[in-house]
Protein backbone atom coordinates (compact mmCIF):
# COMPACT_ATOMS: atom_id res chain seq x y z
CA MET A 1 0.00 0.00 0.00
CA ASP A 2 2.86 2.37 0.82
CA GLN A 3 4.25 1.87 -2.72
CA TRP A 4 0.84 2.52 -4.26
CA PHE A 5 0.48 5.79 -2.28
CA ALA A 6 3.72 7.23 -3.66
CA THR A 7 4.23 10.46 -5.59
CA ASP A 8 5.92 8.76 -8.57
CA THR A 9 2.99 6.40 -9.36
CA TRP A 10 0.14 7.17 -11.74
CA PHE A 11 -2.04 7.86 -8.71
CA GLY A 12 0.42 10.37 -7.29
CA GLU A 13 0.81 12.09 -10.66
CA LEU A 14 -2.97 12.32 -11.07
CA ILE A 15 -3.33 13.93 -7.63
CA SER A 16 -0.54 16.40 -8.47
CA ILE A 17 -2.13 17.40 -11.80
CA GLY A 18 -5.52 17.90 -10.13
CA ASN A 19 -3.92 20.07 -7.47
CA ASN A 20 -2.16 22.30 -9.97
CA LEU A 21 -5.31 22.84 -12.03
CA LEU A 22 -7.52 23.49 -8.99
CA TRP A 23 -5.22 25.84 -7.12
CA THR A 24 -3.64 27.69 -10.06
CA TYR A 25 -6.76 28.41 -12.11
CA ILE A 26 -9.64 28.38 -9.62
CA LEU A 27 -9.11 28.45 -5.90
CA ILE A 28 -6.45 31.07 -5.11
CA GLY A 29 -8.30 33.84 -6.95
CA PHE A 30 -11.73 32.71 -5.71
CA LEU A 31 -10.59 32.50 -2.09
CA LEU A 32 -8.88 35.90 -2.00
CA LEU A 33 -11.46 37.79 -4.08
CA LEU A 34 -14.42 36.45 -2.11
CA GLY A 35 -12.62 37.27 1.14
CA LEU A 36 -12.05 40.84 -0.05
CA TYR A 37 -15.67 41.13 -1.25
CA LEU A 38 -17.06 39.94 2.10
CA THR A 39 -14.63 42.15 4.00
CA VAL A 40 -16.06 45.19 2.19
CA LYS A 41 -19.71 44.02 2.43
CA THR A 42 -19.41 43.46 6.18
CA ASN A 43 -17.67 46.82 6.57
CA PHE A 44 -14.43 45.13 7.68
CA VAL A 45 -16.10 43.10 10.44
CA GLN A 46 -12.89 41.20 11.30
CA PHE A 47 -11.12 44.44 12.27
CA ARG A 48 -13.99 46.70 13.32
CA MET A 49 -15.54 44.22 15.77
CA LEU A 50 -12.37 42.72 17.23
CA PRO A 51 -13.28 43.91 20.77
CA ASP A 52 -16.69 42.23 20.43
CA MET A 53 -14.98 38.98 19.44
CA PHE A 54 -12.94 38.87 22.63
CA LYS A 55 -15.96 39.91 24.69
CA GLU A 56 -18.11 37.08 23.29
CA LEU A 57 -15.30 34.55 23.72
CA ILE A 58 -14.82 35.48 27.38
CA LYS A 59 -18.59 35.31 28.01
CA GLY A 60 -18.57 31.90 26.33
CA THR A 61 -16.28 30.46 29.00
CA ASP A 62 -19.04 30.79 31.63
CA ARG A 63 -20.51 27.30 31.72
CA THR A 64 -23.29 28.25 34.16
CA ALA A 65 -25.01 30.16 31.39
CA PHE A 66 -25.25 26.99 29.27
CA LYS A 67 -25.51 24.09 31.72
CA GLU A 68 -29.30 23.93 31.47
CA ARG A 69 -29.26 24.20 27.69
CA LYS A 70 -28.43 21.51 25.22
CA GLY A 71 -25.49 22.17 22.93
CA THR A 72 -21.89 23.11 23.53
CA SER A 73 -20.77 26.44 24.99
CA PRO A 74 -19.29 29.10 22.67
CA PHE A 75 -15.84 28.47 24.13
CA GLN A 76 -16.12 24.71 23.65
CA ALA A 77 -17.03 25.20 19.97
CA PHE A 78 -14.12 27.63 19.70
CA ALA A 79 -11.90 24.92 21.21
CA ILE A 80 -13.17 22.22 18.83
CA SER A 81 -12.64 24.38 15.73
CA THR A 82 -9.30 25.66 17.02
CA ALA A 83 -8.34 22.06 17.83
CA ALA A 84 -8.79 21.23 14.16
CA ARG A 85 -6.94 24.39 13.10
CA VAL A 86 -4.11 24.34 15.63
CA GLY A 87 -2.35 21.21 14.57
CA THR A 88 0.24 20.19 12.05
CA GLY A 89 -0.63 23.17 9.88
CA ASN A 90 0.89 25.40 12.53
CA LEU A 91 4.07 23.45 13.22
CA ALA A 92 4.72 21.22 10.22
CA GLY A 93 2.72 23.09 7.56
CA VAL A 94 4.43 26.42 8.16
CA ALA A 95 7.87 24.80 8.01
CA LEU A 96 6.85 22.98 4.82
CA ALA A 97 5.63 26.24 3.25
CA ILE A 98 8.98 27.90 4.01
CA SER A 99 11.08 24.96 2.77
CA VAL A 100 9.12 24.68 -0.50
CA GLY A 101 7.90 28.22 -1.20
CA GLY A 102 10.43 30.32 0.71
CA PRO A 103 9.95 32.83 3.55
CA GLY A 104 7.56 34.91 1.42
CA ALA A 105 4.93 32.17 1.73
CA ILE A 106 4.32 33.42 5.28
CA PHE A 107 3.14 36.79 3.96
CA TRP A 108 0.50 35.06 1.84
CA MET A 109 -0.57 32.99 4.84
CA TRP A 110 -1.18 36.29 6.65
CA VAL A 111 -3.19 37.63 3.70
CA VAL A 112 -5.38 34.51 3.63
CA ALA A 113 -6.10 34.94 7.35
CA LEU A 114 -6.82 38.68 7.20
CA VAL A 115 -9.31 38.47 4.34
CA GLY A 116 -10.44 34.96 5.25
CA ALA A 117 -11.58 36.03 8.70
CA ALA A 118 -14.55 37.73 7.00
CA THR A 119 -15.35 34.52 5.12
CA GLY A 120 -15.03 32.60 8.40
CA PHE A 121 -17.51 34.99 10.01
CA ILE A 122 -20.07 34.52 7.23
CA GLU A 123 -19.89 30.72 7.05
CA SER A 124 -20.14 30.24 10.83
CA THR A 125 -23.03 32.71 11.13
CA LEU A 126 -24.86 30.80 8.38
CA ALA A 127 -24.18 27.52 10.21
CA GLN A 128 -25.83 28.97 13.32
CA ILE A 129 -28.88 30.25 11.43
CA TYR A 130 -29.52 26.92 9.68
CA LYS A 131 -28.49 24.52 12.47
CA VAL A 132 -30.81 21.62 13.37
CA LYS A 133 -31.60 19.94 16.68
CA ASP A 134 -30.20 16.53 17.63
CA LYS A 135 -29.74 14.39 20.73
CA ASP A 136 -26.65 16.34 21.87
CA GLY A 137 -28.22 19.73 21.20
CA PHE A 138 -27.51 21.03 17.70
CA ARG A 139 -25.57 20.17 14.60
CA GLY A 140 -25.08 21.87 11.26
CA GLY A 141 -22.55 23.24 8.80
CA PRO A 142 -22.27 23.89 5.06
CA ALA A 143 -24.18 20.74 4.04
CA TYR A 144 -27.10 21.93 6.14
CA TYR A 145 -27.15 25.52 4.89
CA MET A 146 -26.82 24.28 1.31
CA GLU A 147 -29.91 22.10 1.78
CA LYS A 148 -32.00 24.60 3.76
CA GLY A 149 -30.70 27.93 2.50
CA LEU A 150 -30.18 27.06 -1.16
CA GLY A 151 -32.74 24.25 -1.33
CA SER A 152 -30.10 21.87 -2.73
CA ARG A 153 -29.69 18.61 -0.86
CA GLY A 154 -27.57 17.34 -3.75
CA MET A 155 -25.02 20.10 -3.22
CA GLY A 156 -25.11 19.37 0.51
CA LEU A 157 -24.43 15.69 -0.12
CA VAL A 158 -21.44 16.50 -2.35
CA PHE A 159 -19.99 18.68 0.40
CA ALA A 160 -20.77 16.11 3.12
CA VAL A 161 -18.97 13.34 1.21
CA LEU A 162 -15.96 15.61 0.57
CA ILE A 163 -15.60 16.65 4.21
CA VAL A 164 -15.95 13.05 5.43
CA LEU A 165 -13.18 11.98 3.04
CA CYS A 166 -11.05 15.05 3.70
CA PHE A 167 -11.33 15.56 7.46
CA GLY A 168 -12.60 12.15 8.50
CA LEU A 169 -9.89 10.26 6.62
CA ILE A 170 -7.16 12.09 4.66
CA PHE A 171 -6.36 14.83 7.16
CA ASN A 172 -5.91 12.12 9.77
CA GLY A 173 -3.02 10.85 7.67
CA VAL A 174 -1.42 14.30 7.83
CA GLN A 175 -1.85 14.55 11.59
CA THR A 176 -0.72 11.03 12.52
CA HIS A 177 2.17 11.09 10.06
CA THR A 178 3.42 14.27 11.70
CA ILE A 179 3.11 12.75 15.18
CA SER A 180 4.94 9.56 14.14
CA ASP A 181 7.57 11.59 12.28
CA ALA A 182 8.24 13.60 15.43
CA PHE A 183 8.55 10.46 17.58
CA VAL A 184 10.76 8.70 15.03
CA GLY A 185 13.03 11.77 14.92
CA ALA A 186 13.20 12.15 18.69
CA TYR A 187 13.10 8.56 20.00
CA ASN A 188 13.31 6.28 16.94
CA ILE A 189 9.98 4.69 17.91
CA PRO A 190 8.42 2.65 15.04
CA ALA A 191 5.82 4.69 13.17
CA GLY A 192 3.33 1.81 13.10
CA LEU A 193 3.40 1.51 16.89
CA VAL A 194 2.75 5.24 17.26
CA GLY A 195 -0.24 4.93 14.92
CA VAL A 196 -1.77 2.03 16.90
CA VAL A 197 -1.40 3.85 20.24
CA ILE A 198 -3.07 6.98 18.84
CA ALA A 199 -5.91 4.90 17.37
CA VAL A 200 -6.61 3.27 20.75
CA MET A 201 -6.67 6.66 22.50
CA MET A 202 -8.95 8.13 19.83
CA ALA A 203 -11.35 5.18 20.06
CA PHE A 204 -11.92 5.85 23.77
CA ILE A 205 -12.83 9.49 23.10
CA ILE A 206 -14.86 9.31 19.89
CA PHE A 207 -17.17 6.60 21.18
CA GLY A 208 -18.00 8.99 24.03
CA GLY A 209 -19.74 11.52 21.77
CA VAL A 210 -19.37 15.23 21.02
CA ARG A 211 -19.48 16.33 24.66
CA ARG A 212 -16.43 14.25 25.54
CA ILE A 213 -14.67 15.68 22.47
CA ALA A 214 -15.54 19.22 23.58
CA VAL A 215 -14.30 18.68 27.14
CA VAL A 216 -10.97 17.22 26.00
CA ALA A 217 -10.45 19.91 23.36
CA GLU A 218 -11.12 22.85 25.68
CA VAL A 219 -8.36 21.61 28.00
CA ILE A 220 -5.71 20.64 25.45
CA VAL A 221 -5.94 23.60 23.07
CA PRO A 222 -5.45 26.58 25.43
CA VAL A 223 -2.69 24.94 27.48
CA PHE A 224 -0.45 23.87 24.63
CA ALA A 225 -1.18 26.82 22.36
CA LEU A 226 -0.20 29.25 25.12
CA THR A 227 2.89 27.22 26.03
CA TYR A 228 4.05 27.20 22.42
CA ILE A 229 3.46 30.95 22.04
CA VAL A 230 5.45 31.67 25.22
CA VAL A 231 8.39 29.61 23.93
CA ALA A 232 8.25 31.47 20.61
CA LEU A 233 8.20 34.85 22.40
CA ILE A 234 11.25 33.84 24.47
CA ILE A 235 13.11 32.93 21.27
CA MET A 236 12.12 36.23 19.65
CA MET A 237 13.34 38.16 22.71
CA MET A 238 16.62 36.24 22.56
CA ASN A 239 17.00 37.34 18.93
CA ILE A 240 15.31 40.76 19.15
CA THR A 241 17.88 42.49 16.96
CA GLU A 242 17.19 40.05 14.11
CA ILE A 243 13.41 40.54 14.04
CA PRO A 244 13.42 43.48 11.55
CA ALA A 245 15.58 41.43 9.18
CA VAL A 246 13.09 38.54 9.35
CA PHE A 247 10.19 40.85 8.46
CA ALA A 248 12.23 42.26 5.57
CA LEU A 249 13.02 38.72 4.37
CA ILE A 250 9.33 37.74 4.42
CA PHE A 251 8.13 40.85 2.56
CA ASN A 252 10.92 40.83 -0.01
CA ASN A 253 10.40 37.14 -0.79
CA ALA A 254 6.61 37.57 -0.90
CA PHE A 255 6.86 39.66 -4.06
CA GLY A 256 9.77 37.84 -5.65
CA ILE A 257 12.28 40.62 -4.90
CA GLU A 258 14.76 38.06 -3.61
CA GLU A 259 15.34 34.52 -4.86
CA VAL A 260 13.20 32.03 -2.95
CA VAL A 261 13.84 28.43 -2.05
CA GLY A 262 11.02 27.04 -4.19
CA GLY A 263 11.81 29.35 -7.11
CA GLY A 264 9.35 31.83 -8.58
CA LEU A 265 6.61 34.09 -7.27
CA GLY A 266 3.95 31.53 -8.18
CA ALA A 267 5.47 28.94 -5.84
CA VAL A 268 5.53 31.48 -3.02
CA ILE A 269 1.89 32.48 -3.40
CA MET A 270 0.57 28.95 -3.96
CA ASN A 271 2.38 27.46 -0.96
CA GLY A 272 1.38 30.38 1.25
CA VAL A 273 -2.29 30.16 0.29
CA GLN A 274 -2.40 26.35 0.48
CA ARG A 275 -0.73 26.17 3.86
CA GLY A 276 -2.72 29.17 5.07
CA LEU A 277 -6.02 27.52 4.13
CA PHE A 278 -4.90 24.21 5.66
CA SER A 279 -4.00 26.01 8.86
CA ASN A 280 -6.86 28.47 9.48
CA GLU A 281 -9.54 26.74 7.33
CA ALA A 282 -11.30 30.05 6.58
CA GLY A 283 -13.79 29.37 3.81
CA MET A 284 -13.11 25.65 3.72
CA GLY A 285 -16.39 24.86 5.43
CA SER A 286 -14.99 22.90 8.36
CA ALA A 287 -15.29 25.28 11.34
CA PRO A 288 -19.02 25.94 10.73
CA ASN A 289 -19.68 22.35 11.78
CA ALA A 290 -18.38 23.22 15.26
CA ALA A 291 -20.04 26.66 15.28
CA ALA A 292 -23.43 25.06 14.68
CA THR A 293 -23.27 23.00 17.90
CA VAL A 294 -23.46 26.10 20.13
CA TYR A 295 -26.40 27.54 22.00
CA VAL A 296 -26.26 31.33 21.65
CA LYS A 297 -28.95 33.99 21.58
CA HIS A 298 -27.76 35.41 18.26
CA PRO A 299 -25.92 33.67 15.37
CA VAL A 300 -23.53 36.59 14.92
CA LYS A 301 -22.03 35.96 18.35
CA GLN A 302 -20.59 32.65 17.25
CA GLY A 303 -19.65 34.05 13.85
CA LEU A 304 -17.49 36.64 15.62
CA ILE A 305 -15.81 33.99 17.80
CA GLN A 306 -14.96 31.82 14.79
CA SER A 307 -13.58 34.84 12.94
CA LEU A 308 -11.30 35.46 15.91
CA SER A 309 -10.14 31.83 15.78
CA VAL A 310 -8.92 32.37 12.19
CA LEU A 311 -6.85 35.39 13.24
CA ILE A 312 -5.37 33.70 16.32
CA ASP A 313 -4.43 30.59 14.38
CA THR A 314 -2.43 32.26 11.62
CA LEU A 315 -1.34 35.67 12.88
CA ILE A 316 -0.16 34.36 16.25
CA ILE A 317 0.52 30.61 16.25
CA CYS A 318 1.66 30.17 12.63
CA SER A 319 3.76 33.32 12.92
CA ALA A 320 5.39 31.86 16.02
CA THR A 321 6.61 28.85 14.02
CA ALA A 322 7.69 31.07 11.13
CA PHE A 323 9.93 33.20 13.33
CA ILE A 324 11.35 30.15 15.11
CA VAL A 325 12.39 28.72 11.72
CA LEU A 326 13.47 31.95 10.01
CA LEU A 327 15.67 33.04 12.92
CA THR A 328 17.93 30.15 11.89
CA ASP A 329 19.30 29.00 8.54
CA VAL A 330 18.14 25.40 8.90
CA TYR A 331 15.52 25.80 6.17
CA THR A 332 18.22 26.56 3.59
CA VAL A 333 20.41 23.54 4.27
CA GLY A 334 19.82 19.80 4.31
CA GLU A 335 16.74 17.92 3.18
CA MET A 336 14.55 18.22 6.26
CA GLU A 337 10.98 19.43 5.88
CA GLY A 338 7.81 19.54 7.93
CA ILE A 339 7.95 18.82 11.63
CA GLN A 340 11.61 17.75 11.71
CA LEU A 341 12.55 21.17 10.34
CA THR A 342 10.66 22.83 13.21
CA GLN A 343 12.33 20.45 15.68
CA GLN A 344 15.77 21.31 14.32
CA ALA A 345 15.08 25.06 14.43
CA LEU A 346 13.91 24.89 18.04
CA ALA A 347 16.93 22.79 19.01
CA HIS A 348 19.14 25.48 17.46
CA HIS A 349 17.57 28.10 19.73
CA MET A 350 16.90 26.20 22.94
CA GLY A 351 19.17 23.17 22.93
CA ASP A 352 18.48 19.48 22.37
CA TRP A 353 15.66 19.41 24.94
CA ALA A 354 13.59 21.42 22.44
CA THR A 355 13.27 18.32 20.25
CA ILE A 356 11.41 16.64 23.10
CA PHE A 357 9.25 19.76 23.61
CA VAL A 358 8.22 19.83 19.94
CA THR A 359 7.49 16.11 20.01
CA VAL A 360 5.15 16.55 23.00
CA ALA A 361 3.61 19.74 21.55
CA ILE A 362 2.94 18.22 18.13
CA PHE A 363 1.42 15.16 19.79
CA PHE A 364 -1.15 17.26 21.64
CA PHE A 365 -1.69 19.72 18.78
CA ALA A 366 -2.20 16.96 16.23
CA PHE A 367 -4.20 14.82 18.65
CA SER A 368 -6.55 17.75 19.29
CA SER A 369 -6.84 18.19 15.52
CA LEU A 370 -7.92 14.57 15.20
CA LEU A 371 -10.73 15.31 17.66
CA GLY A 372 -11.98 18.22 15.59
CA ASN A 373 -11.57 16.25 12.36
CA TYR A 374 -13.59 13.37 13.75
CA TYR A 375 -16.45 15.58 14.84
CA TYR A 376 -16.67 17.22 11.42
CA GLY A 377 -16.93 13.79 9.85
CA GLU A 378 -19.57 12.60 12.34
CA ALA A 379 -21.76 15.68 11.82
CA ASN A 380 -21.79 15.11 8.07
CA ILE A 381 -22.35 11.37 8.31
CA GLY A 382 -25.52 12.40 10.17
CA PHE A 383 -26.48 14.56 7.22
CA ILE A 384 -25.92 11.75 4.73
CA SER A 385 -27.86 9.16 6.73
CA GLU A 386 -29.21 8.72 10.26
CA LYS A 387 -28.67 4.93 10.17
CA PRO A 388 -26.25 3.89 12.98
CA ILE A 389 -24.35 1.50 10.70
CA TYR A 390 -22.93 4.40 8.68
CA LEU A 391 -21.56 6.10 11.79
CA THR A 392 -20.01 2.82 12.97
CA LEU A 393 -18.35 2.25 9.58
CA PHE A 394 -17.05 5.82 9.59
CA ARG A 395 -15.54 5.37 13.05
CA LEU A 396 -13.76 2.20 11.99
CA ALA A 397 -12.45 3.83 8.79
CA PHE A 398 -11.33 6.85 10.82
CA LEU A 399 -9.30 4.67 13.19
CA ALA A 400 -7.85 2.63 10.31
CA MET A 401 -6.67 5.82 8.58
CA VAL A 402 -4.97 6.92 11.79
CA VAL A 403 -2.76 3.82 11.59
CA ILE A 404 -2.24 3.98 7.80
CA GLY A 405 -1.29 7.67 7.90
CA ALA A 406 1.44 7.07 10.44
CA THR A 407 3.40 4.91 7.98
CA SER A 408 2.56 6.53 4.62
CA ASP A 409 4.61 8.80 2.37
CA LEU A 410 4.61 12.46 3.52
CA ASP A 411 4.42 14.06 0.06
CA ILE A 412 1.40 12.13 -1.20
CA ILE A 413 -0.53 12.76 2.04
CA TRP A 414 -0.05 16.52 1.72
CA GLU A 415 -0.96 16.35 -1.99
CA MET A 416 -4.20 14.49 -1.25
CA ALA A 417 -5.00 16.86 1.62
CA ASP A 418 -4.52 19.88 -0.66
CA LEU A 419 -6.74 18.41 -3.39
CA PHE A 420 -9.65 17.46 -1.16
CA MET A 421 -9.60 20.60 0.96
CA GLY A 422 -9.52 22.59 -2.29
CA LEU A 423 -12.59 20.78 -3.63
CA MET A 424 -14.35 21.30 -0.29
CA ALA A 425 -13.52 24.98 -0.32
CA VAL A 426 -14.82 25.53 -3.87
CA VAL A 427 -18.22 23.96 -3.05
CA ASN A 428 -18.49 25.88 0.22
CA LEU A 429 -17.36 29.22 -1.21
CA ILE A 430 -20.08 29.02 -3.88
CA ALA A 431 -22.68 28.57 -1.13
CA VAL A 432 -21.16 31.38 0.96
CA LEU A 433 -21.28 33.72 -2.04
CA LEU A 434 -24.94 32.90 -2.68
CA LEU A 435 -26.06 33.02 0.97
CA GLY A 436 -23.74 35.74 2.25
CA LYS A 437 -26.47 38.41 2.18
CA ILE A 438 -28.39 36.48 4.86
CA ALA A 439 -25.42 36.51 7.27
CA ILE A 440 -24.86 40.21 6.49
CA SER A 441 -28.53 40.91 7.34
CA ALA A 442 -28.02 39.05 10.62
CA LEU A 443 -24.97 41.24 11.31
CA LYS A 444 -27.04 44.39 10.73
CA ASP A 445 -29.71 43.08 13.11
CA PHE A 446 -27.06 42.38 15.73
CA GLN A 447 -25.56 45.85 15.38
CA GLN A 448 -28.93 47.59 15.57
CA GLN A 449 -29.81 45.82 18.82
CA ARG A 450 -26.35 46.46 20.27
CA LYS A 451 -26.64 50.16 19.34
CA ALA A 452 -29.98 50.29 21.17
CA GLY A 453 -28.32 48.94 24.31
CA ILE A 454 -29.92 45.49 24.01
CA ASP A 455 -28.16 42.14 24.36
CA PRO A 456 -28.93 40.91 20.81
CA VAL A 457 -31.48 38.13 20.40
CA PHE A 458 -32.25 36.50 17.05
CA TYR A 459 -35.59 35.22 15.77
CA ARG A 460 -36.33 33.44 12.53
CA ASN A 461 -38.46 36.42 11.46
CA SER A 462 -35.67 38.88 12.26
CA ILE A 463 -34.67 38.63 8.58
CA LYS A 464 -37.44 39.17 6.06
CA GLY A 465 -38.15 36.15 3.87
CA LEU A 466 -35.93 33.73 5.82
CA LYS A 467 -37.10 30.13 5.27
CA ASN A 468 -36.34 26.59 6.45
CA VAL A 469 -35.01 27.72 9.85
CA GLU A 470 -35.97 25.28 12.60
CA SER A 471 -33.81 26.10 15.65
CA TRP A 472 -34.88 29.70 16.15
CA GLY A 473 -38.31 30.78 17.42
CA THR A 474 -40.27 33.96 16.79
CA LYS A 475 -40.97 36.89 19.09
CA GLU A 476 -44.61 35.87 19.20
CA GLU A 477 -43.75 32.32 20.35
CA GLU A 478 -41.71 33.63 23.28
CA LYS A 479 -44.54 35.87 24.56
């Protein structure tokens, strides 16, 4: 199987050709232009309402406000979506972008986050508006707002299948390969053994349902994200005089002013956008699945929190890895890439113990990503069919892919991840473009109530002509 999943086979070449066509001619322009369009239409919501984002996130940590309601808390949904975001994309993906596309790829990762935060706001607000009730509280996401908002179950099914394949299976290969790669590099532990251990741990959690996933994620994500950021800040303080030179290197390479490792401006932009989308997932249609699980009084509240998650992921955590790597010259020498490049860069700054730190950090980051990935798959299996057998088969396939990914070829896994997340993003971005006006109307409703000094509350008749909304009542029903 390992030989079949290699880059030099017909299968690998087919995946590579599909990637080049999709990203070069369709996705990069669509992603950036739609992000700019939504930024303007929302009046720069991701910058203008940044204080509101932090306010809603802090309020969402108060469990007492949600303990009598079904559904996850806003902070738990933030943790689930950030768990999926804050993984190998932040440690391995950033290093890979630099080694292949050069330092300038980081600039394009920043651009994707800044404009993509508006797209992230729209898609998560839509997920809240069109969420449906289930035994755990709520579920939803792009497949649901395609069916209910656009009246196209067929489009929803296409997206649901893509996200199950992408997050439920292929992305697991990326995460577990990175974990096993880190352990092989640090302790020479067999990759297959690492995969089996992770599969056993995941089985215990995923058979416990979404609430167990939420509880685990809200502990892991903040602790290890903050620890990693602190280490990065210490390294930057140790090299404070070199920081301006790193910024200059990133900006010069971003526009092809200096020769880049991957060669050519196109390689810089493509790697930056690909790794940026893999990391922050803005517009991909994954985070809305977590956003839909939340009980809030107004959909915009969770849209703001998810927009903040995009910014935190790329501008803070990805940038931390970028500076750790670029403050050394390890990316210009040798043949290391991905997580081992990050390990080597940290060891250069902090000594050999840093290899152990990265190994532990990537384990928890990637493990938390597996939790988020699994939930996205489960939510969409529920959309495809309510029959229990399909969920059981998905769980078994999920665990099998955890083991397979640990021992597979790195290049082909990234290629497959890029292709499927690109296809997912195209389908979702079309829906976001068509339904964006509904989320923008919800934003106006939120702002009007806030301006009047009211804690915003949403009703299904708050937006004129809104149809197929089942989880929001009317003012008359509450009286």
